[in-house]
Amino acid sequence: MDIEFSLALPREAIGIPMVRRVLGDSLRSLHVTENCVSDILLAVSEACGNAVRHGGPANRYHVEAAIGLGRCDVRVIDKGRGQVRIPEQYPSSDIENGRGILIMQAVVDEISFEISPGRGTTVHLRKRLDVDEEAVTARPRELASV
């Protein structure tokens, strides 16, 4: 089963829980393991947080997701200045920022950036899905008992 959706969100933190809810519920409905769901939601939250902080001058950013064929692809698209600096190591604990990209890299299989100066940034996250096979095989029995 394939699921695709696109969300246009205000550049405010209030939109991040909405993305997490829609994406998390979609993955769980396909019996993706909770560890895999958590990794994807962490990466997407970081990407959305960056769009909220750095995605100006536009008042909105977009999230596009495609789930199917054993993987999840998410794109977070903003209209920011299109600058991405990938740190070589985690910053010291007394520095507040600079961990997001490294966190995303740690929990997804692939991350890429499409940077168009003056047009914005797209963060593309891709992760292979781990499916809970027991839940998938138990589903027909659950439906039969309803």
Protein backbone atom coordinates (compact mmCIF):
# COMPACT_ATOMS: atom_id res chain seq x y z
CA MET A 1 0.00 0.00 0.00
CA ASP A 2 1.33 3.44 -0.88
CA ILE A 3 0.53 6.58 1.07
CA GLU A 4 1.39 10.07 -0.15
CA PHE A 5 0.57 13.42 1.33
CA SER A 6 1.61 17.03 1.20
CA LEU A 7 1.18 19.62 3.93
CA ALA A 8 1.57 23.40 3.71
CA LEU A 9 2.33 24.73 7.17
CA PRO A 10 2.86 28.10 8.81
CA ARG A 11 6.47 28.82 9.75
CA GLU A 12 5.61 28.37 13.39
CA ALA A 13 6.48 25.55 15.76
CA ILE A 14 2.78 24.64 16.10
CA GLY A 15 2.91 22.84 12.74
CA ILE A 16 5.60 20.34 13.77
CA PRO A 17 3.30 18.21 15.98
CA MET A 18 0.80 18.09 13.08
CA VAL A 19 3.47 16.68 10.77
CA ARG A 20 4.51 14.17 13.42
CA ARG A 21 0.91 13.04 13.93
CA VAL A 22 0.05 12.58 10.24
CA LEU A 23 3.33 10.87 9.39
CA GLY A 24 3.43 8.74 12.54
CA ASP A 25 -0.16 7.55 12.14
CA SER A 26 0.48 6.74 8.47
CA LEU A 27 3.56 4.67 9.30
CA ARG A 28 1.86 2.88 12.18
CA SER A 29 -1.13 2.00 9.99
CA LEU A 30 1.35 0.11 7.79
CA HIS A 31 2.75 -1.74 10.85
CA VAL A 32 6.15 -0.05 10.76
CA THR A 33 8.09 -0.82 13.93
CA GLU A 34 8.01 1.82 16.64
CA ASN A 35 11.81 2.23 16.57
CA CYS A 36 11.69 2.97 12.84
CA VAL A 37 8.75 5.38 13.30
CA SER A 38 10.65 7.17 16.07
CA ASP A 39 13.76 7.58 13.91
CA ILE A 40 11.77 9.04 11.01
CA LEU A 41 9.81 11.40 13.27
CA LEU A 42 13.01 12.63 14.93
CA ALA A 43 14.62 13.43 11.59
CA VAL A 44 11.49 15.09 10.21
CA SER A 45 11.07 17.15 13.39
CA GLU A 46 14.65 18.42 13.04
CA ALA A 47 14.12 19.30 9.36
CA CYS A 48 10.84 21.07 10.13
CA GLY A 49 12.45 22.93 13.03
CA ASN A 50 15.12 24.21 10.65
CA ALA A 51 12.45 25.30 8.15
CA VAL A 52 10.63 27.18 10.91
CA ARG A 53 13.83 28.91 12.08
CA HIS A 54 15.52 29.55 8.74
CA GLY A 55 12.82 29.24 6.04
CA GLY A 56 12.11 32.94 5.57
CA PRO A 57 11.10 35.21 4.04
CA ALA A 58 8.07 33.04 3.22
CA ASN A 59 5.45 32.51 5.91
CA ARG A 60 4.98 28.82 5.01
CA TYR A 61 6.96 25.67 4.41
CA HIS A 62 5.92 22.36 2.86
CA VAL A 63 6.28 18.72 3.81
CA GLU A 64 5.82 16.03 1.18
CA ALA A 65 5.85 12.35 2.14
CA ALA A 66 5.68 9.12 0.16
CA ILE A 67 5.50 5.82 2.00
CA GLY A 68 5.65 2.56 0.08
CA LEU A 69 7.84 -0.13 -1.44
CA GLY A 70 9.53 -0.63 1.90
CA ARG A 71 10.71 2.93 2.36
CA CYS A 72 9.67 6.38 3.47
CA ASP A 73 10.68 9.50 1.56
CA VAL A 74 10.07 12.90 3.13
CA ARG A 75 10.90 16.30 1.68
CA VAL A 76 10.82 19.45 3.79
CA ILE A 77 10.80 22.49 1.52
CA ASP A 78 11.28 26.09 2.58
CA LYS A 79 12.04 29.42 0.93
CA GLY A 80 15.04 30.32 3.06
CA ARG A 81 18.35 31.62 1.79
CA GLY A 82 19.53 28.13 0.95
CA GLN A 83 22.54 27.75 3.21
CA VAL A 84 23.38 24.41 4.77
CA ARG A 85 26.52 23.83 6.78
CA ILE A 86 27.14 20.24 7.76
CA PRO A 87 29.26 20.10 10.92
CA GLU A 88 32.00 17.50 11.13
CA GLN A 89 31.28 16.70 14.77
CA TYR A 90 28.72 17.40 17.46
CA PRO A 91 29.17 20.85 19.03
CA SER A 92 30.12 21.06 22.69
CA SER A 93 27.31 20.77 25.21
CA ASP A 94 27.35 24.50 26.01
CA ILE A 95 26.36 25.40 22.42
CA GLU A 96 22.62 25.45 21.80
CA ASN A 97 22.48 24.82 18.02
CA GLY A 98 24.27 22.79 15.38
CA ARG A 99 23.18 19.23 16.08
CA GLY A 100 20.13 18.87 13.82
CA ILE A 101 21.82 17.77 10.61
CA LEU A 102 24.04 15.28 12.46
CA ILE A 103 21.01 13.87 14.26
CA MET A 104 19.15 13.49 10.95
CA GLN A 105 22.16 11.74 9.40
CA ALA A 106 22.31 9.33 12.35
CA VAL A 107 18.69 8.12 12.12
CA VAL A 108 17.90 7.94 8.39
CA ASP A 109 19.52 5.95 5.61
CA GLU A 110 19.96 8.88 3.23
CA ILE A 111 19.82 12.63 3.55
CA SER A 112 20.35 15.14 0.79
CA PHE A 113 19.93 18.86 0.33
CA GLU A 114 18.81 20.72 -2.75
CA ILE A 115 19.91 24.28 -2.26
CA SER A 116 18.82 27.04 -4.61
CA PRO A 117 20.14 30.41 -3.44
CA GLY A 118 17.26 32.83 -3.39
CA ARG A 119 14.72 30.03 -3.94
CA GLY A 120 15.08 27.94 -0.82
CA THR A 121 16.16 24.59 0.49
CA THR A 122 14.75 21.09 0.21
CA VAL A 123 15.81 18.50 2.75
CA HIS A 124 15.20 14.99 1.43
CA LEU A 125 15.11 12.21 4.03
CA ARG A 126 14.89 8.54 3.07
CA LYS A 127 14.63 5.51 5.33
CA ARG A 128 14.02 1.82 4.72
CA LEU A 129 11.03 0.66 6.71
CA ASP A 130 11.19 -2.09 9.29
CA VAL A 131 7.78 -3.74 9.39
CA ASP A 132 6.40 -5.64 12.37
CA GLU A 133 5.64 -8.92 10.57
CA GLU A 134 3.69 -10.28 13.55
CA ALA A 135 1.30 -7.34 13.39
CA VAL A 136 0.84 -7.78 9.66
CA THR A 137 0.00 -11.49 9.94
CA ALA A 138 -2.24 -10.95 12.99
CA ARG A 139 -4.35 -8.36 11.20
CA PRO A 140 -6.58 -10.78 9.23
CA ARG A 141 -7.45 -12.60 12.48
CA GLU A 142 -8.34 -9.30 14.15
CA LEU A 143 -10.64 -8.35 11.30
CA ALA A 144 -12.32 -11.79 11.36
CA SER A 145 -13.20 -11.40 15.03
CA VAL A 146 -14.92 -8.02 14.54
